[in-house]
Amino acid sequence: MRVRRIGALLLTAAALAASLTACGGDDKFVIGVKFDQPGLGLKGTDGKPTGFDVDVAKYIAKELGYSEDKIEWKETVSANREPFIQQGQVDMVLATYSITDARKELVSFAGPYLVTGQDILTRADDTTIADVEGLSAKKVCGAQGSSSPKRLVDKFGEPWKGQYLTEQQGYGACLPLLEQSQVDAISTDATILAGFAAQQPGKFRLVGKPFSEEKYGVGLKKDDKETRDKVNAAIEKMFGDGSWKKAVDANFGEFATAFATPPALEKY
């Protein structure tokens, strides 16, 4: 009887250990970032992403108690940011994720940690596009799930969408289309476009006429106020100790002057 009792206790302990392993695993902190956006989130040859979003994510994770070796990076594109958060596939998302009222219905946001605006990238030798009005009869590439193409459709109408808009899974897939003259422009956040332009100096032109305000936030599970407050505190600390400015200068190069001042947090 004693042997059976000990055996049962051992089985219970094993089951409990397995349960804990399944729930907590090796205590990884999963962060969703872009893998195809230079200067913001770009996967390197070592398999690790680099960029401004990544630097901010590392800082926040450290403030939450997770060292860099505890971070698991998960590639996140515009179309799957909300599903990843809602399904618990990630702990937070920093993926050029603009804060909007519609998205607040699905997830929570900390931040913003950067403010930019929708702009236009063309080939360097194309001077026919001077502002957003110049896109009215031009072929434009955008990313699925991004708010940028929708803004153009709202401006120019559904017929324009059918005739002129091409949507790819990510903006990285738009660049070859622009380079090969299959589209005339890419339109999205200036930070994203600047990152691409900086990779191939002289080949592309950033129009430099933003026509929106994009507030990059940290995407979190809906109504998780406790985590949101902690992330906001981490962002505030990053603003104050010089780490934010250092990350801006390191990732945006000649365009860093456009982001000289940290934005005001929108706590709610």
C-alpha atoms as a PDB file:
ATOM      1  CA  MET A   1       0.000   0.000   0.000  1.00  0.00           C
ATOM      2  CA  ARG A   2       2.857   2.366   0.885  1.00  0.00           C
ATOM      3  CA  VAL A   3       4.570   1.663  -2.445  1.00  0.00           C
ATOM      4  CA  ARG A   4       1.343   2.466  -4.294  1.00  0.00           C
ATOM      5  CA  ARG A   5       0.946   5.704  -2.348  1.00  0.00           C
ATOM      6  CA  ILE A   6       4.523   6.811  -3.145  1.00  0.00           C
ATOM      7  CA  GLY A   7       4.000   5.905  -6.788  1.00  0.00           C
ATOM      8  CA  ALA A   8       0.815   7.967  -6.927  1.00  0.00           C
ATOM      9  CA  LEU A   9       2.595  10.933  -5.340  1.00  0.00           C
ATOM     10  CA  LEU A  10       5.413  10.698  -7.879  1.00  0.00           C
ATOM     11  CA  LEU A  11       2.929  10.598 -10.751  1.00  0.00           C
ATOM     12  CA  THR A  12       1.116  13.637  -9.344  1.00  0.00           C
ATOM     13  CA  ALA A  13       4.392  15.543  -9.000  1.00  0.00           C
ATOM     14  CA  ALA A  14       5.360  14.636 -12.554  1.00  0.00           C
ATOM     15  CA  ALA A  15       1.996  15.770 -13.851  1.00  0.00           C
ATOM     16  CA  LEU A  16       2.301  19.057 -11.967  1.00  0.00           C
ATOM     17  CA  ALA A  17       5.782  19.647 -13.359  1.00  0.00           C
ATOM     18  CA  ALA A  18       4.562  18.940 -16.878  1.00  0.00           C
ATOM     19  CA  SER A  19       1.684  21.349 -16.355  1.00  0.00           C
ATOM     20  CA  LEU A  20       4.005  24.098 -15.164  1.00  0.00           C
ATOM     21  CA  THR A  21       6.319  23.500 -18.105  1.00  0.00           C
ATOM     22  CA  ALA A  22       3.387  23.730 -20.523  1.00  0.00           C
ATOM     23  CA  CYS A  23       2.169  27.001 -19.000  1.00  0.00           C
ATOM     24  CA  GLY A  24       5.411  28.804 -18.365  1.00  0.00           C
ATOM     25  CA  GLY A  25       7.871  26.919 -20.541  1.00  0.00           C
ATOM     26  CA  ASP A  26      11.324  28.392 -20.277  1.00  0.00           C
ATOM     27  CA  ASP A  27       9.818  31.763 -19.306  1.00  0.00           C
ATOM     28  CA  LYS A  28      10.183  33.329 -22.750  1.00  0.00           C
ATOM     29  CA  PHE A  29       8.745  36.761 -23.494  1.00  0.00           C
ATOM     30  CA  VAL A  30       7.323  36.705 -27.017  1.00  0.00           C
ATOM     31  CA  ILE A  31       7.424  39.981 -28.957  1.00  0.00           C
ATOM     32  CA  GLY A  32       5.940  40.518 -32.403  1.00  0.00           C
ATOM     33  CA  VAL A  33       8.013  42.714 -34.729  1.00  0.00           C
ATOM     34  CA  LYS A  34       8.395  43.216 -38.467  1.00  0.00           C
ATOM     35  CA  PHE A  35      11.211  41.291 -40.148  1.00  0.00           C
ATOM     36  CA  ASP A  36      11.290  43.199 -43.455  1.00  0.00           C
ATOM     37  CA  GLN A  37      11.530  46.884 -42.543  1.00  0.00           C
ATOM     38  CA  PRO A  38      15.022  48.430 -42.451  1.00  0.00           C
ATOM     39  CA  GLY A  39      15.551  50.853 -39.575  1.00  0.00           C
ATOM     40  CA  LEU A  40      12.512  49.520 -37.707  1.00  0.00           C
ATOM     41  CA  GLY A  41      12.428  45.721 -37.723  1.00  0.00           C
ATOM     42  CA  LEU A  42      14.701  43.785 -40.074  1.00  0.00           C
ATOM     43  CA  LYS A  43      15.829  40.180 -39.648  1.00  0.00           C
ATOM     44  CA  GLY A  44      19.617  39.913 -39.818  1.00  0.00           C
ATOM     45  CA  THR A  45      21.833  37.134 -41.138  1.00  0.00           C
ATOM     46  CA  ASP A  46      22.091  35.825 -37.577  1.00  0.00           C
ATOM     47  CA  GLY A  47      18.324  35.371 -37.473  1.00  0.00           C
ATOM     48  CA  LYS A  48      17.787  38.227 -35.011  1.00  0.00           C
ATOM     49  CA  PRO A  49      15.868  41.406 -35.853  1.00  0.00           C
ATOM     50  CA  THR A  50      17.319  44.911 -35.559  1.00  0.00           C
ATOM     51  CA  GLY A  51      15.830  48.382 -35.774  1.00  0.00           C
ATOM     52  CA  PHE A  52      14.125  51.088 -33.755  1.00  0.00           C
ATOM     53  CA  ASP A  53      11.041  49.009 -32.853  1.00  0.00           C
ATOM     54  CA  VAL A  54      13.370  46.229 -31.746  1.00  0.00           C
ATOM     55  CA  ASP A  55      15.461  48.575 -29.583  1.00  0.00           C
ATOM     56  CA  VAL A  56      12.331  49.923 -27.890  1.00  0.00           C
ATOM     57  CA  ALA A  57      11.043  46.380 -27.381  1.00  0.00           C
ATOM     58  CA  LYS A  58      14.303  45.279 -25.750  1.00  0.00           C
ATOM     59  CA  TYR A  59      14.223  48.254 -23.392  1.00  0.00           C
ATOM     60  CA  ILE A  60      10.622  47.578 -22.364  1.00  0.00           C
ATOM     61  CA  ALA A  61      11.279  43.860 -21.891  1.00  0.00           C
ATOM     62  CA  LYS A  62      14.254  44.612 -19.646  1.00  0.00           C
ATOM     63  CA  GLU A  63      12.123  46.971 -17.532  1.00  0.00           C
ATOM     64  CA  LEU A  64       9.526  44.205 -17.212  1.00  0.00           C
ATOM     65  CA  GLY A  65      12.189  41.809 -15.956  1.00  0.00           C
ATOM     66  CA  TYR A  66      13.147  39.942 -19.152  1.00  0.00           C
ATOM     67  CA  SER A  67      16.766  39.949 -20.259  1.00  0.00           C
ATOM     68  CA  GLU A  68      17.502  39.808 -23.981  1.00  0.00           C
ATOM     69  CA  ASP A  69      18.159  36.061 -23.915  1.00  0.00           C
ATOM     70  CA  LYS A  70      14.596  35.546 -22.641  1.00  0.00           C
ATOM     71  CA  ILE A  71      13.026  37.312 -25.631  1.00  0.00           C
ATOM     72  CA  GLU A  72      11.513  35.263 -28.434  1.00  0.00           C
ATOM     73  CA  TRP A  73      11.009  37.306 -31.611  1.00  0.00           C
ATOM     74  CA  LYS A  74       7.970  36.440 -33.713  1.00  0.00           C
ATOM     75  CA  GLU A  75       7.602  37.811 -37.223  1.00  0.00           C
ATOM     76  CA  THR A  76       4.472  39.933 -37.361  1.00  0.00           C
ATOM     77  CA  VAL A  77       2.983  41.530 -40.480  1.00  0.00           C
ATOM     78  CA  SER A  78       0.337  44.243 -40.644  1.00  0.00           C
ATOM     79  CA  ALA A  79      -2.515  41.791 -41.225  1.00  0.00           C
ATOM     80  CA  ASN A  80      -1.895  39.529 -38.206  1.00  0.00           C
ATOM     81  CA  ARG A  81      -1.079  41.966 -35.414  1.00  0.00           C
ATOM     82  CA  GLU A  82      -4.529  41.858 -33.775  1.00  0.00           C
ATOM     83  CA  PRO A  83      -4.978  38.059 -34.156  1.00  0.00           C
ATOM     84  CA  PHE A  84      -1.543  37.382 -32.631  1.00  0.00           C
ATOM     85  CA  ILE A  85      -2.409  39.510 -29.578  1.00  0.00           C
ATOM     86  CA  GLN A  86      -5.955  38.172 -29.214  1.00  0.00           C
ATOM     87  CA  GLN A  87      -4.859  34.533 -29.547  1.00  0.00           C
ATOM     88  CA  GLY A  88      -2.017  34.929 -27.044  1.00  0.00           C
ATOM     89  CA  GLN A  89       0.656  34.095 -29.613  1.00  0.00           C
ATOM     90  CA  VAL A  90       2.652  37.140 -28.475  1.00  0.00           C
ATOM     91  CA  ASP A  91       2.990  39.097 -25.238  1.00  0.00           C
ATOM     92  CA  MET A  92       3.238  42.421 -27.049  1.00  0.00           C
ATOM     93  CA  VAL A  93       3.605  43.835 -30.557  1.00  0.00           C
ATOM     94  CA  LEU A  94       5.933  46.623 -31.728  1.00  0.00           C
ATOM     95  CA  ALA A  95       5.528  46.523 -35.496  1.00  0.00           C
ATOM     96  CA  THR A  96       4.995  50.068 -36.822  1.00  0.00           C
ATOM     97  CA  TYR A  97       1.610  49.659 -35.141  1.00  0.00           C
ATOM     98  CA  SER A  98      -0.391  52.885 -35.459  1.00  0.00           C
ATOM     99  CA  ILE A  99      -2.832  53.603 -32.632  1.00  0.00           C
ATOM    100  CA  THR A 100      -6.373  53.993 -34.000  1.00  0.00           C
ATOM    101  CA  ASP A 101      -9.820  54.002 -32.419  1.00  0.00           C
ATOM    102  CA  ALA A 102     -10.835  50.981 -34.496  1.00  0.00           C
ATOM    103  CA  ARG A 103      -7.861  48.968 -33.273  1.00  0.00           C
ATOM    104  CA  LYS A 104      -8.534  49.995 -29.675  1.00  0.00           C
ATOM    105  CA  GLU A 105     -11.770  48.028 -29.949  1.00  0.00           C
ATOM    106  CA  LEU A 106      -9.685  44.865 -30.401  1.00  0.00           C
ATOM    107  CA  VAL A 107      -6.462  45.420 -28.433  1.00  0.00           C
ATOM    108  CA  SER A 108      -4.912  47.859 -25.948  1.00  0.00           C
ATOM    109  CA  PHE A 109      -2.041  50.249 -26.640  1.00  0.00           C
ATOM    110  CA  ALA A 110       0.771  51.709 -24.586  1.00  0.00           C
ATOM    111  CA  GLY A 111       2.587  54.736 -25.946  1.00  0.00           C
ATOM    112  CA  PRO A 112       2.947  56.211 -28.448  1.00  0.00           C
ATOM    113  CA  TYR A 113       6.714  55.853 -28.540  1.00  0.00           C
ATOM    114  CA  LEU A 114       7.106  57.525 -31.962  1.00  0.00           C
ATOM    115  CA  VAL A 115       5.000  59.800 -34.165  1.00  0.00           C
ATOM    116  CA  THR A 116       5.416  59.871 -37.934  1.00  0.00           C
ATOM    117  CA  GLY A 117       3.178  60.447 -40.974  1.00  0.00           C
ATOM    118  CA  GLN A 118       2.163  58.742 -44.195  1.00  0.00           C
ATOM    119  CA  ASP A 119       4.458  59.780 -47.039  1.00  0.00           C
ATOM    120  CA  ILE A 120       5.411  58.644 -50.549  1.00  0.00           C
ATOM    121  CA  LEU A 121       8.460  56.874 -51.992  1.00  0.00           C
ATOM    122  CA  THR A 122       9.171  57.042 -55.735  1.00  0.00           C
ATOM    123  CA  ARG A 123      12.094  56.270 -58.010  1.00  0.00           C
ATOM    124  CA  ALA A 124      14.768  58.955 -57.826  1.00  0.00           C
ATOM    125  CA  ASP A 125      14.324  59.943 -61.480  1.00  0.00           C
ATOM    126  CA  ASP A 126      10.541  60.357 -61.174  1.00  0.00           C
ATOM    127  CA  THR A 127       9.692  63.961 -60.332  1.00  0.00           C
ATOM    128  CA  THR A 128       6.030  63.744 -61.363  1.00  0.00           C
ATOM    129  CA  ILE A 129       4.782  63.106 -57.810  1.00  0.00           C
ATOM    130  CA  ALA A 130       5.099  66.108 -55.497  1.00  0.00           C
ATOM    131  CA  ASP A 131       2.419  65.272 -52.908  1.00  0.00           C
ATOM    132  CA  VAL A 132      -0.514  62.947 -52.264  1.00  0.00           C
ATOM    133  CA  GLU A 133      -2.581  64.581 -55.016  1.00  0.00           C
ATOM    134  CA  GLY A 134       0.008  63.294 -57.465  1.00  0.00           C
ATOM    135  CA  LEU A 135      -1.086  59.716 -56.754  1.00  0.00           C
ATOM    136  CA  SER A 136      -4.553  60.169 -58.263  1.00  0.00           C
ATOM    137  CA  ALA A 137      -3.526  58.479 -61.524  1.00  0.00           C
ATOM    138  CA  LYS A 138      -0.456  56.524 -60.374  1.00  0.00           C
ATOM    139  CA  LYS A 139       0.072  52.856 -59.560  1.00  0.00           C
ATOM    140  CA  VAL A 140       0.693  52.570 -55.816  1.00  0.00           C
ATOM    141  CA  CYS A 141       1.822  49.627 -53.678  1.00  0.00           C
ATOM    142  CA  GLY A 142       0.688  49.110 -50.100  1.00  0.00           C
ATOM    143  CA  ALA A 143       0.605  46.344 -47.479  1.00  0.00           C
ATOM    144  CA  GLN A 144      -2.373  44.146 -46.663  1.00  0.00           C
ATOM    145  CA  GLY A 145      -3.861  45.023 -43.288  1.00  0.00           C
ATOM    146  CA  SER A 146      -2.119  48.399 -43.149  1.00  0.00           C
ATOM    147  CA  SER A 147      -4.130  51.586 -42.660  1.00  0.00           C
ATOM    148  CA  SER A 148      -2.069  53.370 -45.338  1.00  0.00           C
ATOM    149  CA  PRO A 149      -3.759  51.906 -48.459  1.00  0.00           C
ATOM    150  CA  LYS A 150      -7.174  52.468 -46.884  1.00  0.00           C
ATOM    151  CA  ARG A 151      -6.391  56.149 -46.427  1.00  0.00           C
ATOM    152  CA  LEU A 152      -5.689  56.457 -50.162  1.00  0.00           C
ATOM    153  CA  VAL A 153      -8.844  54.535 -51.076  1.00  0.00           C
ATOM    154  CA  ASP A 154     -10.868  56.823 -48.814  1.00  0.00           C
ATOM    155  CA  LYS A 155      -9.377  59.796 -50.642  1.00  0.00           C
ATOM    156  CA  PHE A 156      -9.545  58.610 -54.246  1.00  0.00           C
ATOM    157  CA  GLY A 157     -12.431  56.098 -54.140  1.00  0.00           C
ATOM    158  CA  GLU A 158     -13.069  52.428 -54.888  1.00  0.00           C
ATOM    159  CA  PRO A 159     -12.590  52.786 -58.672  1.00  0.00           C
ATOM    160  CA  TRP A 160      -9.075  54.087 -57.977  1.00  0.00           C
ATOM    161  CA  LYS A 161      -8.411  51.038 -55.818  1.00  0.00           C
ATOM    162  CA  GLY A 162      -9.381  48.645 -58.591  1.00  0.00           C
ATOM    163  CA  GLN A 163      -7.279  50.413 -61.193  1.00  0.00           C
ATOM    164  CA  TYR A 164      -4.211  51.667 -59.328  1.00  0.00           C
ATOM    165  CA  LEU A 165      -3.684  49.919 -55.981  1.00  0.00           C
ATOM    166  CA  THR A 166      -1.524  46.816 -55.545  1.00  0.00           C
ATOM    167  CA  GLU A 167      -1.341  45.228 -52.081  1.00  0.00           C
ATOM    168  CA  GLN A 168       1.430  42.924 -50.902  1.00  0.00           C
ATOM    169  CA  GLN A 169       1.922  41.041 -47.627  1.00  0.00           C
ATOM    170  CA  GLY A 170       4.530  43.565 -46.504  1.00  0.00           C
ATOM    171  CA  TYR A 171       6.204  46.742 -47.720  1.00  0.00           C
ATOM    172  CA  GLY A 172       9.427  44.850 -48.385  1.00  0.00           C
ATOM    173  CA  ALA A 173       7.597  43.093 -51.233  1.00  0.00           C
ATOM    174  CA  CYS A 174       6.609  46.487 -52.687  1.00  0.00           C
ATOM    175  CA  LEU A 175      10.195  47.684 -53.180  1.00  0.00           C
ATOM    176  CA  PRO A 176      11.089  45.367 -56.122  1.00  0.00           C
ATOM    177  CA  LEU A 177       7.846  46.394 -57.838  1.00  0.00           C
ATOM    178  CA  LEU A 178       8.854  50.052 -57.557  1.00  0.00           C
ATOM    179  CA  GLU A 179      12.413  49.346 -58.658  1.00  0.00           C
ATOM    180  CA  GLN A 180      11.161  47.448 -61.744  1.00  0.00           C
ATOM    181  CA  SER A 181       8.590  50.173 -62.589  1.00  0.00           C
ATOM    182  CA  GLN A 182       5.626  47.863 -62.013  1.00  0.00           C
ATOM    183  CA  VAL A 183       4.284  50.540 -59.650  1.00  0.00           C
ATOM    184  CA  ASP A 184       4.993  54.253 -59.512  1.00  0.00           C
ATOM    185  CA  ALA A 185       5.082  54.707 -55.739  1.00  0.00           C
ATOM    186  CA  ILE A 186       4.900  53.138 -52.315  1.00  0.00           C
ATOM    187  CA  SER A 187       2.906  55.018 -49.702  1.00  0.00           C
ATOM    188  CA  THR A 188       3.090  54.414 -45.983  1.00  0.00           C
ATOM    189  CA  ASP A 189       4.789  55.836 -42.884  1.00  0.00           C
ATOM    190  CA  ALA A 190       7.789  58.056 -43.566  1.00  0.00           C
ATOM    191  CA  THR A 191       9.899  56.019 -41.130  1.00  0.00           C
ATOM    192  CA  ILE A 192       9.334  52.826 -43.124  1.00  0.00           C
ATOM    193  CA  LEU A 193      10.016  54.500 -46.455  1.00  0.00           C
ATOM    194  CA  ALA A 194      13.132  56.253 -45.116  1.00  0.00           C
ATOM    195  CA  GLY A 195      14.529  52.907 -43.972  1.00  0.00           C
ATOM    196  CA  PHE A 196      14.135  51.415 -47.426  1.00  0.00           C
ATOM    197  CA  ALA A 197      15.532  54.501 -49.163  1.00  0.00           C
ATOM    198  CA  ALA A 198      18.597  54.543 -46.911  1.00  0.00           C
ATOM    199  CA  GLN A 199      19.510  50.994 -47.945  1.00  0.00           C
ATOM    200  CA  GLN A 200      20.006  51.993 -51.577  1.00  0.00           C
ATOM    201  CA  PRO A 201      21.239  55.599 -51.641  1.00  0.00           C
ATOM    202  CA  GLY A 202      20.372  57.509 -54.775  1.00  0.00           C
ATOM    203  CA  LYS A 203      17.875  54.976 -56.117  1.00  0.00           C
ATOM    204  CA  PHE A 204      14.679  56.244 -54.485  1.00  0.00           C
ATOM    205  CA  ARG A 205      13.208  59.586 -53.448  1.00  0.00           C
ATOM    206  CA  LEU A 206      11.202  60.314 -50.323  1.00  0.00           C
ATOM    207  CA  VAL A 207       8.672  62.980 -51.299  1.00  0.00           C
ATOM    208  CA  GLY A 208       8.701  64.476 -47.804  1.00  0.00           C
ATOM    209  CA  LYS A 209       5.085  65.679 -47.681  1.00  0.00           C
ATOM    210  CA  PRO A 210       3.368  63.674 -44.906  1.00  0.00           C
ATOM    211  CA  PHE A 211      -0.429  63.732 -45.069  1.00  0.00           C
ATOM    212  CA  SER A 212      -1.364  61.957 -41.848  1.00  0.00           C
ATOM    213  CA  GLU A 213      -0.240  61.495 -38.267  1.00  0.00           C
ATOM    214  CA  GLU A 214       0.775  57.963 -37.263  1.00  0.00           C
ATOM    215  CA  LYS A 215       1.315  57.260 -33.578  1.00  0.00           C
ATOM    216  CA  TYR A 216       3.275  54.047 -33.042  1.00  0.00           C
ATOM    217  CA  GLY A 217       2.052  52.139 -30.005  1.00  0.00           C
ATOM    218  CA  VAL A 218       2.814  48.890 -28.199  1.00  0.00           C
ATOM    219  CA  GLY A 219      -0.003  46.442 -28.857  1.00  0.00           C
ATOM    220  CA  LEU A 220      -1.212  44.504 -25.809  1.00  0.00           C
ATOM    221  CA  LYS A 221      -4.132  42.284 -24.842  1.00  0.00           C
ATOM    222  CA  LYS A 222      -7.433  44.165 -24.621  1.00  0.00           C
ATOM    223  CA  ASP A 223      -8.101  45.786 -21.212  1.00  0.00           C
ATOM    224  CA  ASP A 224      -4.779  44.647 -19.688  1.00  0.00           C
ATOM    225  CA  LYS A 225      -4.355  47.915 -17.808  1.00  0.00           C
ATOM    226  CA  GLU A 226      -1.713  46.571 -15.434  1.00  0.00           C
ATOM    227  CA  THR A 227       0.696  45.646 -18.217  1.00  0.00           C
ATOM    228  CA  ARG A 228      -0.149  48.787 -20.179  1.00  0.00           C
ATOM    229  CA  ASP A 229       0.771  50.971 -17.192  1.00  0.00           C
ATOM    230  CA  LYS A 230       4.065  49.113 -16.748  1.00  0.00           C
ATOM    231  CA  VAL A 231       4.934  49.477 -20.433  1.00  0.00           C
ATOM    232  CA  ASN A 232       4.083  53.187 -20.362  1.00  0.00           C
ATOM    233  CA  ALA A 233       6.377  53.609 -17.358  1.00  0.00           C
ATOM    234  CA  ALA A 234       9.180  51.865 -19.271  1.00  0.00           C
ATOM    235  CA  ILE A 235       8.664  54.112 -22.312  1.00  0.00           C
ATOM    236  CA  GLU A 236       8.727  57.221 -20.108  1.00  0.00           C
ATOM    237  CA  LYS A 237      11.979  56.064 -18.580  1.00  0.00           C
ATOM    238  CA  MET A 238      13.444  55.471 -22.054  1.00  0.00           C
ATOM    239  CA  PHE A 239      12.469  59.007 -23.070  1.00  0.00           C
ATOM    240  CA  GLY A 240      14.093  60.467 -19.961  1.00  0.00           C
ATOM    241  CA  ASP A 241      17.405  58.618 -19.747  1.00  0.00           C
ATOM    242  CA  GLY A 242      18.580  59.291 -23.319  1.00  0.00           C
ATOM    243  CA  SER A 243      18.061  55.742 -24.603  1.00  0.00           C
ATOM    244  CA  TRP A 244      15.212  56.780 -26.903  1.00  0.00           C
ATOM    245  CA  LYS A 245      17.273  59.495 -28.646  1.00  0.00           C
ATOM    246  CA  LYS A 246      20.187  57.092 -28.956  1.00  0.00           C
ATOM    247  CA  ALA A 247      17.927  54.550 -30.687  1.00  0.00           C
ATOM    248  CA  VAL A 248      16.533  57.230 -33.035  1.00  0.00           C
ATOM    249  CA  ASP A 249      20.024  58.344 -34.087  1.00  0.00           C
ATOM    250  CA  ALA A 250      21.257  54.780 -34.526  1.00  0.00           C
ATOM    251  CA  ASN A 251      18.389  53.642 -36.745  1.00  0.00           C
ATOM    252  CA  PHE A 252      17.244  56.638 -38.803  1.00  0.00           C
ATOM    253  CA  GLY A 253      20.571  58.230 -39.737  1.00  0.00           C
ATOM    254  CA  GLU A 254      20.054  61.410 -41.787  1.00  0.00           C
ATOM    255  CA  PHE A 255      16.314  61.269 -41.088  1.00  0.00           C
ATOM    256  CA  ALA A 256      16.788  61.270 -37.289  1.00  0.00           C
ATOM    257  CA  THR A 257      16.283  65.035 -37.114  1.00  0.00           C
ATOM    258  CA  ALA A 258      12.614  64.479 -37.974  1.00  0.00           C
ATOM    259  CA  PHE A 259      12.176  62.700 -34.637  1.00  0.00           C
ATOM    260  CA  ALA A 260      14.017  65.012 -32.281  1.00  0.00           C
ATOM    261  CA  THR A 261      11.388  65.078 -29.535  1.00  0.00           C
ATOM    262  CA  PRO A 262       9.641  62.138 -27.828  1.00  0.00           C
ATOM    263  CA  PRO A 263       5.834  62.197 -28.148  1.00  0.00           C
ATOM    264  CA  ALA A 264       3.400  62.594 -25.264  1.00  0.00           C
ATOM    265  CA  LEU A 265       2.029  59.313 -23.921  1.00  0.00           C
ATOM    266  CA  GLU A 266      -1.707  58.722 -24.205  1.00  0.00           C
ATOM    267  CA  LYS A 267      -2.525  56.995 -20.940  1.00  0.00           C
ATOM    268  CA  TYR A 268      -6.001  55.552 -20.549  1.00  0.00           C
END
